[in-house]
Amino acid sequence: MNSDEYIAIVDDIFDTEASEKPFGKRWASQLITLKPQHLIALQQGNLLALDDQGEYVVYLKLEGANHV
């Protein structure tokens, strides 16, 4: 597992009931699948806004890309 403070690169989804990986105890998890056009948008400097469980918004930005 490779991680920093807020992002971890993992090989599989962890069960939040059985594991505290990768960030310590959490109450839920969600899988969001990116499509090729999402990656292209990031490379072009766009942000992606993700709906996190109908309660939060998470924004993704590609480091080094010139933001539009």
PDB file of N, CA and C in Angstrom:
ATOM      1  N   MET A   1       0.850  -1.186   0.000  1.00  0.00           N
ATOM      2  CA  MET A   1       0.000   0.000   0.000  1.00  0.00           C
ATOM      3  C   MET A   1       0.885   1.235   0.000  1.00  0.00           C
ATOM      4  N   ASN A   2       0.641   2.142  -0.921  1.00  0.00           N
ATOM      5  CA  ASN A   2       1.359   3.399  -1.018  1.00  0.00           C
ATOM      6  C   ASN A   2       0.378   4.501  -0.658  1.00  0.00           C
ATOM      7  N   SER A   3       0.727   5.364   0.296  1.00  0.00           N
ATOM      8  CA  SER A   3      -0.246   6.378   0.685  1.00  0.00           C
ATOM      9  C   SER A   3       0.431   7.654   1.153  1.00  0.00           C
ATOM     10  N   ASP A   4      -0.342   8.732   1.129  1.00  0.00           N
ATOM     11  CA  ASP A   4       0.042   9.956   1.793  1.00  0.00           C
ATOM     12  C   ASP A   4      -1.090  10.279   2.745  1.00  0.00           C
ATOM     13  N   GLU A   5      -1.211  11.517   3.161  1.00  0.00           N
ATOM     14  CA  GLU A   5      -2.197  11.847   4.193  1.00  0.00           C
ATOM     15  C   GLU A   5      -3.643  11.585   3.791  1.00  0.00           C
ATOM     16  N   TYR A   6      -3.997  11.837   2.511  1.00  0.00           N
ATOM     17  CA  TYR A   6      -5.393  11.747   2.094  1.00  0.00           C
ATOM     18  C   TYR A   6      -5.663  10.772   0.962  1.00  0.00           C
ATOM     19  N   ILE A   7      -4.626  10.273   0.323  1.00  0.00           N
ATOM     20  CA  ILE A   7      -4.810   9.382  -0.816  1.00  0.00           C
ATOM     21  C   ILE A   7      -3.953   8.145  -0.612  1.00  0.00           C
ATOM     22  N   ALA A   8      -4.555   6.985  -0.801  1.00  0.00           N
ATOM     23  CA  ALA A   8      -3.812   5.728  -0.695  1.00  0.00           C
ATOM     24  C   ALA A   8      -3.993   4.945  -1.989  1.00  0.00           C
ATOM     25  N   ILE A   9      -2.927   4.355  -2.462  1.00  0.00           N
ATOM     26  CA  ILE A   9      -2.994   3.456  -3.607  1.00  0.00           C
ATOM     27  C   ILE A   9      -3.074   2.050  -3.034  1.00  0.00           C
ATOM     28  N   VAL A  10      -4.184   1.376  -3.277  1.00  0.00           N
ATOM     29  CA  VAL A  10      -4.426   0.052  -2.686  1.00  0.00           C
ATOM     30  C   VAL A  10      -4.755  -0.947  -3.787  1.00  0.00           C
ATOM     31  N   ASP A  11      -4.671  -2.227  -3.453  1.00  0.00           N
ATOM     32  CA  ASP A  11      -4.955  -3.287  -4.417  1.00  0.00           C
ATOM     33  C   ASP A  11      -6.396  -3.772  -4.370  1.00  0.00           C
ATOM     34  N   ASP A  12      -7.103  -3.468  -3.291  1.00  0.00           N
ATOM     35  CA  ASP A  12      -8.468  -3.954  -3.139  1.00  0.00           C
ATOM     36  C   ASP A  12      -9.238  -3.025  -2.204  1.00  0.00           C
ATOM     37  N   ILE A  13     -10.547  -3.189  -2.162  1.00  0.00           N
ATOM     38  CA  ILE A  13     -11.418  -2.423  -1.265  1.00  0.00           C
ATOM     39  C   ILE A  13     -11.361  -3.064   0.120  1.00  0.00           C
ATOM     40  N   PHE A  14     -11.237  -2.238   1.155  1.00  0.00           N
ATOM     41  CA  PHE A  14     -11.228  -2.740   2.520  1.00  0.00           C
ATOM     42  C   PHE A  14     -12.624  -2.678   3.114  1.00  0.00           C
ATOM     43  N   ASP A  15     -12.995  -3.694   3.861  1.00  0.00           N
ATOM     44  CA  ASP A  15     -14.274  -3.744   4.571  1.00  0.00           C
ATOM     45  C   ASP A  15     -14.164  -2.837   5.799  1.00  0.00           C
ATOM     46  N   THR A  16     -14.948  -1.772   5.852  1.00  0.00           N
ATOM     47  CA  THR A  16     -14.849  -0.822   6.957  1.00  0.00           C
ATOM     48  C   THR A  16     -15.260  -1.426   8.295  1.00  0.00           C
ATOM     49  N   GLU A  17     -16.002  -2.510   8.270  1.00  0.00           N
ATOM     50  CA  GLU A  17     -16.380  -3.187   9.518  1.00  0.00           C
ATOM     51  C   GLU A  17     -15.248  -4.050  10.061  1.00  0.00           C
ATOM     52  N   ALA A  18     -14.387  -4.537   9.174  1.00  0.00           N
ATOM     53  CA  ALA A  18     -13.361  -5.502   9.587  1.00  0.00           C
ATOM     54  C   ALA A  18     -11.949  -4.926   9.596  1.00  0.00           C
ATOM     55  N   SER A  19     -11.742  -3.760   9.001  1.00  0.00           N
ATOM     56  CA  SER A  19     -10.388  -3.238   8.856  1.00  0.00           C
ATOM     57  C   SER A  19     -10.363  -1.740   9.099  1.00  0.00           C
ATOM     58  N   GLU A  20      -9.251  -1.272   9.582  1.00  0.00           N
ATOM     59  CA  GLU A  20      -9.044   0.169   9.729  1.00  0.00           C
ATOM     60  C   GLU A  20      -8.117   0.697   8.641  1.00  0.00           C
ATOM     61  N   LYS A  21      -7.798  -0.140   7.667  1.00  0.00           N
ATOM     62  CA  LYS A  21      -6.969   0.293   6.539  1.00  0.00           C
ATOM     63  C   LYS A  21      -7.831   1.077   5.563  1.00  0.00           C
ATOM     64  N   PRO A  22      -7.347   1.977   4.841  1.00  0.00           N
ATOM     65  CA  PRO A  22      -5.983   2.487   4.866  1.00  0.00           C
ATOM     66  C   PRO A  22      -5.798   3.725   5.742  1.00  0.00           C
ATOM     67  N   PHE A  23      -6.890   4.283   6.332  1.00  0.00           N
ATOM     68  CA  PHE A  23      -6.792   5.572   7.021  1.00  0.00           C
ATOM     69  C   PHE A  23      -7.200   5.539   8.488  1.00  0.00           C
ATOM     70  N   GLY A  24      -7.431   4.390   9.057  1.00  0.00           N
ATOM     71  CA  GLY A  24      -7.993   4.317  10.396  1.00  0.00           C
ATOM     72  C   GLY A  24      -9.485   4.016  10.302  1.00  0.00           C
ATOM     73  N   LYS A  25     -10.184   4.023  11.418  1.00  0.00           N
ATOM     74  CA  LYS A  25     -11.595   3.660  11.442  1.00  0.00           C
ATOM     75  C   LYS A  25     -12.422   4.601  10.580  1.00  0.00           C
ATOM     76  N   ARG A  26     -13.211   4.014   9.702  1.00  0.00           N
ATOM     77  CA  ARG A  26     -14.167   4.748   8.879  1.00  0.00           C
ATOM     78  C   ARG A  26     -15.515   4.052   8.976  1.00  0.00           C
ATOM     79  N   TRP A  27     -16.592   4.772   8.677  1.00  0.00           N
ATOM     80  CA  TRP A  27     -17.940   4.250   8.861  1.00  0.00           C
ATOM     81  C   TRP A  27     -18.564   3.743   7.578  1.00  0.00           C
ATOM     82  N   ALA A  28     -18.008   4.111   6.453  1.00  0.00           N
ATOM     83  CA  ALA A  28     -18.557   3.660   5.174  1.00  0.00           C
ATOM     84  C   ALA A  28     -17.482   3.818   4.106  1.00  0.00           C
ATOM     85  N   SER A  29     -17.736   3.202   2.975  1.00  0.00           N
ATOM     86  CA  SER A  29     -16.847   3.388   1.824  1.00  0.00           C
ATOM     87  C   SER A  29     -17.700   3.385   0.563  1.00  0.00           C
ATOM     88  N   GLN A  30     -17.121   3.854  -0.513  1.00  0.00           N
ATOM     89  CA  GLN A  30     -17.836   3.931  -1.777  1.00  0.00           C
ATOM     90  C   GLN A  30     -16.836   3.755  -2.896  1.00  0.00           C
ATOM     91  N   LEU A  31     -17.187   2.980  -3.900  1.00  0.00           N
ATOM     92  CA  LEU A  31     -16.354   2.806  -5.085  1.00  0.00           C
ATOM     93  C   LEU A  31     -16.867   3.736  -6.177  1.00  0.00           C
ATOM     94  N   ILE A  32     -15.974   4.539  -6.731  1.00  0.00           N
ATOM     95  CA  ILE A  32     -16.311   5.418  -7.846  1.00  0.00           C
ATOM     96  C   ILE A  32     -15.413   5.010  -9.004  1.00  0.00           C
ATOM     97  N   THR A  33     -16.012   4.687 -10.135  1.00  0.00           N
ATOM     98  CA  THR A  33     -15.262   4.233 -11.300  1.00  0.00           C
ATOM     99  C   THR A  33     -15.125   5.372 -12.296  1.00  0.00           C
ATOM    100  N   LEU A  34     -13.888   5.648 -12.685  1.00  0.00           N
ATOM    101  CA  LEU A  34     -13.628   6.686 -13.677  1.00  0.00           C
ATOM    102  C   LEU A  34     -13.615   6.077 -15.074  1.00  0.00           C
ATOM    103  N   LYS A  35     -14.128   6.841 -16.016  1.00  0.00           N
ATOM    104  CA  LYS A  35     -14.119   6.436 -17.423  1.00  0.00           C
ATOM    105  C   LYS A  35     -12.940   7.117 -18.113  1.00  0.00           C
ATOM    106  N   PRO A  36     -12.536   6.622 -19.280  1.00  0.00           N
ATOM    107  CA  PRO A  36     -11.422   7.266 -19.986  1.00  0.00           C
ATOM    108  C   PRO A  36     -11.629   8.770 -20.195  1.00  0.00           C
ATOM    109  N   GLN A  37     -12.850   9.200 -20.463  1.00  0.00           N
ATOM    110  CA  GLN A  37     -13.088  10.631 -20.672  1.00  0.00           C
ATOM    111  C   GLN A  37     -12.856  11.447 -19.397  1.00  0.00           C
ATOM    112  N   HIS A  38     -13.028  10.823 -18.227  1.00  0.00           N
ATOM    113  CA  HIS A  38     -12.731  11.512 -16.970  1.00  0.00           C
ATOM    114  C   HIS A  38     -11.227  11.759 -16.856  1.00  0.00           C
ATOM    115  N   LEU A  39     -10.428  10.751 -17.211  1.00  0.00           N
ATOM    116  CA  LEU A  39      -8.979  10.908 -17.156  1.00  0.00           C
ATOM    117  C   LEU A  39      -8.498  11.964 -18.147  1.00  0.00           C
ATOM    118  N   ILE A  40      -9.102  11.978 -19.330  1.00  0.00           N
ATOM    119  CA  ILE A  40      -8.763  12.996 -20.331  1.00  0.00           C
ATOM    120  C   ILE A  40      -9.096  14.390 -19.801  1.00  0.00           C
ATOM    121  N   ALA A  41     -10.254  14.532 -19.178  1.00  0.00           N
ATOM    122  CA  ALA A  41     -10.652  15.831 -18.614  1.00  0.00           C
ATOM    123  C   ALA A  41      -9.648  16.286 -17.556  1.00  0.00           C
ATOM    124  N   LEU A  42      -9.197  15.382 -16.706  1.00  0.00           N
ATOM    125  CA  LEU A  42      -8.190  15.733 -15.698  1.00  0.00           C
ATOM    126  C   LEU A  42      -6.888  16.174 -16.364  1.00  0.00           C
ATOM    127  N   GLN A  43      -6.460  15.449 -17.381  1.00  0.00           N
ATOM    128  CA  GLN A  43      -5.225  15.786 -18.088  1.00  0.00           C
ATOM    129  C   GLN A  43      -5.331  17.135 -18.795  1.00  0.00           C
ATOM    130  N   GLN A  44      -6.542  17.531 -19.153  1.00  0.00           N
ATOM    131  CA  GLN A  44      -6.763  18.827 -19.811  1.00  0.00           C
ATOM    132  C   GLN A  44      -6.931  19.963 -18.804  1.00  0.00           C
ATOM    133  N   GLY A  45      -6.808  19.673 -17.516  1.00  0.00           N
ATOM    134  CA  GLY A  45      -6.862  20.707 -16.487  1.00  0.00           C
ATOM    135  C   GLY A  45      -8.210  20.904 -15.838  1.00  0.00           C
ATOM    136  N   ASN A  46      -9.184  20.071 -16.175  1.00  0.00           N
ATOM    137  CA  ASN A  46     -10.494  20.161 -15.530  1.00  0.00           C
ATOM    138  C   ASN A  46     -10.456  19.496 -14.160  1.00  0.00           C
ATOM    139  N   LEU A  47     -11.403  19.847 -13.329  1.00  0.00           N
ATOM    140  CA  LEU A  47     -11.619  19.169 -12.059  1.00  0.00           C
ATOM    141  C   LEU A  47     -12.756  18.173 -12.238  1.00  0.00           C
ATOM    142  N   LEU A  48     -12.757  17.113 -11.458  1.00  0.00           N
ATOM    143  CA  LEU A  48     -13.902  16.213 -11.403  1.00  0.00           C
ATOM    144  C   LEU A  48     -14.587  16.415 -10.062  1.00  0.00           C
ATOM    145  N   ALA A  49     -15.898  16.592 -10.067  1.00  0.00           N
ATOM    146  CA  ALA A  49     -16.693  16.687  -8.850  1.00  0.00           C
ATOM    147  C   ALA A  49     -17.385  15.344  -8.659  1.00  0.00           C
ATOM    148  N   LEU A  50     -17.142  14.707  -7.525  1.00  0.00           N
ATOM    149  CA  LEU A  50     -17.717  13.397  -7.241  1.00  0.00           C
ATOM    150  C   LEU A  50     -18.734  13.503  -6.121  1.00  0.00           C
ATOM    151  N   ASP A  51     -19.887  12.883  -6.312  1.00  0.00           N
ATOM    152  CA  ASP A  51     -20.922  12.825  -5.282  1.00  0.00           C
ATOM    153  C   ASP A  51     -20.555  11.691  -4.330  1.00  0.00           C
ATOM    154  N   ASP A  52     -20.246  12.034  -3.105  1.00  0.00           N
ATOM    155  CA  ASP A  52     -19.861  11.044  -2.102  1.00  0.00           C
ATOM    156  C   ASP A  52     -21.064  10.711  -1.232  1.00  0.00           C
ATOM    157  N   GLN A  53     -21.732   9.611  -1.570  1.00  0.00           N
ATOM    158  CA  GLN A  53     -22.840   9.048  -0.811  1.00  0.00           C
ATOM    159  C   GLN A  53     -23.992  10.019  -0.624  1.00  0.00           C
ATOM    160  N   GLY A  54     -24.193  10.902  -1.599  1.00  0.00           N
ATOM    161  CA  GLY A  54     -25.324  11.816  -1.557  1.00  0.00           C
ATOM    162  C   GLY A  54     -25.232  12.852  -0.457  1.00  0.00           C
ATOM    163  N   GLU A  55     -24.049  12.988   0.162  1.00  0.00           N
ATOM    164  CA  GLU A  55     -23.915  13.898   1.289  1.00  0.00           C
ATOM    165  C   GLU A  55     -22.759  14.881   1.134  1.00  0.00           C
ATOM    166  N   TYR A  56     -21.705  14.474   0.466  1.00  0.00           N
ATOM    167  CA  TYR A  56     -20.509  15.300   0.330  1.00  0.00           C
ATOM    168  C   TYR A  56     -20.130  15.417  -1.141  1.00  0.00           C
ATOM    169  N   VAL A  57     -19.330  16.412  -1.458  1.00  0.00           N
ATOM    170  CA  VAL A  57     -18.744  16.543  -2.783  1.00  0.00           C
ATOM    171  C   VAL A  57     -17.232  16.457  -2.612  1.00  0.00           C
ATOM    172  N   VAL A  58     -16.586  15.616  -3.421  1.00  0.00           N
ATOM    173  CA  VAL A  58     -15.132  15.484  -3.427  1.00  0.00           C
ATOM    174  C   VAL A  58     -14.660  15.928  -4.805  1.00  0.00           C
ATOM    175  N   TYR A  59     -13.653  16.791  -4.843  1.00  0.00           N
ATOM    176  CA  TYR A  59     -13.106  17.268  -6.105  1.00  0.00           C
ATOM    177  C   TYR A  59     -11.765  16.596  -6.356  1.00  0.00           C
ATOM    178  N   LEU A  60     -11.576  16.118  -7.586  1.00  0.00           N
ATOM    179  CA  LEU A  60     -10.303  15.533  -7.994  1.00  0.00           C
ATOM    180  C   LEU A  60      -9.618  16.472  -8.967  1.00  0.00           C
ATOM    181  N   LYS A  61      -8.299  16.629  -8.793  1.00  0.00           N
ATOM    182  CA  LYS A  61      -7.484  17.457  -9.660  1.00  0.00           C
ATOM    183  C   LYS A  61      -6.210  16.685  -9.961  1.00  0.00           C
ATOM    184  N   LEU A  62      -5.738  16.747 -11.161  1.00  0.00           N
ATOM    185  CA  LEU A  62      -4.490  16.100 -11.537  1.00  0.00           C
ATOM    186  C   LEU A  62      -3.339  17.065 -11.266  1.00  0.00           C
ATOM    187  N   GLU A  63      -2.425  16.652 -10.389  1.00  0.00           N
ATOM    188  CA  GLU A  63      -1.275  17.470 -10.067  1.00  0.00           C
ATOM    189  C   GLU A  63      -0.447  17.725 -11.323  1.00  0.00           C
ATOM    190  N   GLY A  64      -0.073  18.951 -11.518  1.00  0.00           N
ATOM    191  CA  GLY A  64       0.751  19.315 -12.659  1.00  0.00           C
ATOM    192  C   GLY A  64      -0.044  19.743 -13.883  1.00  0.00           C
ATOM    193  N   ALA A  65      -1.331  19.435 -13.919  1.00  0.00           N
ATOM    194  CA  ALA A  65      -2.158  19.865 -15.049  1.00  0.00           C
ATOM    195  C   ALA A  65      -2.541  21.328 -14.861  1.00  0.00           C
ATOM    196  N   ASN A  66      -2.539  22.095 -15.945  1.00  0.00           N
ATOM    197  CA  ASN A  66      -2.941  23.505 -15.875  1.00  0.00           C
ATOM    198  C   ASN A  66      -4.445  23.584 -15.733  1.00  0.00           C
ATOM    199  N   HIS A  67      -4.896  24.067 -14.586  1.00  0.00           N
ATOM    200  CA  HIS A  67      -6.338  24.170 -14.309  1.00  0.00           C
ATOM    201  C   HIS A  67      -6.996  25.127 -15.285  1.00  0.00           C
ATOM    202  N   VAL A  68      -8.138  24.703 -15.838  1.00  0.00           N
ATOM    203  CA  VAL A  68      -8.893  25.511 -16.804  1.00  0.00           C
ATOM    204  C   VAL A  68      -9.520  26.700 -16.101  1.00  0.00           C
TER     205      VAL A  68
END
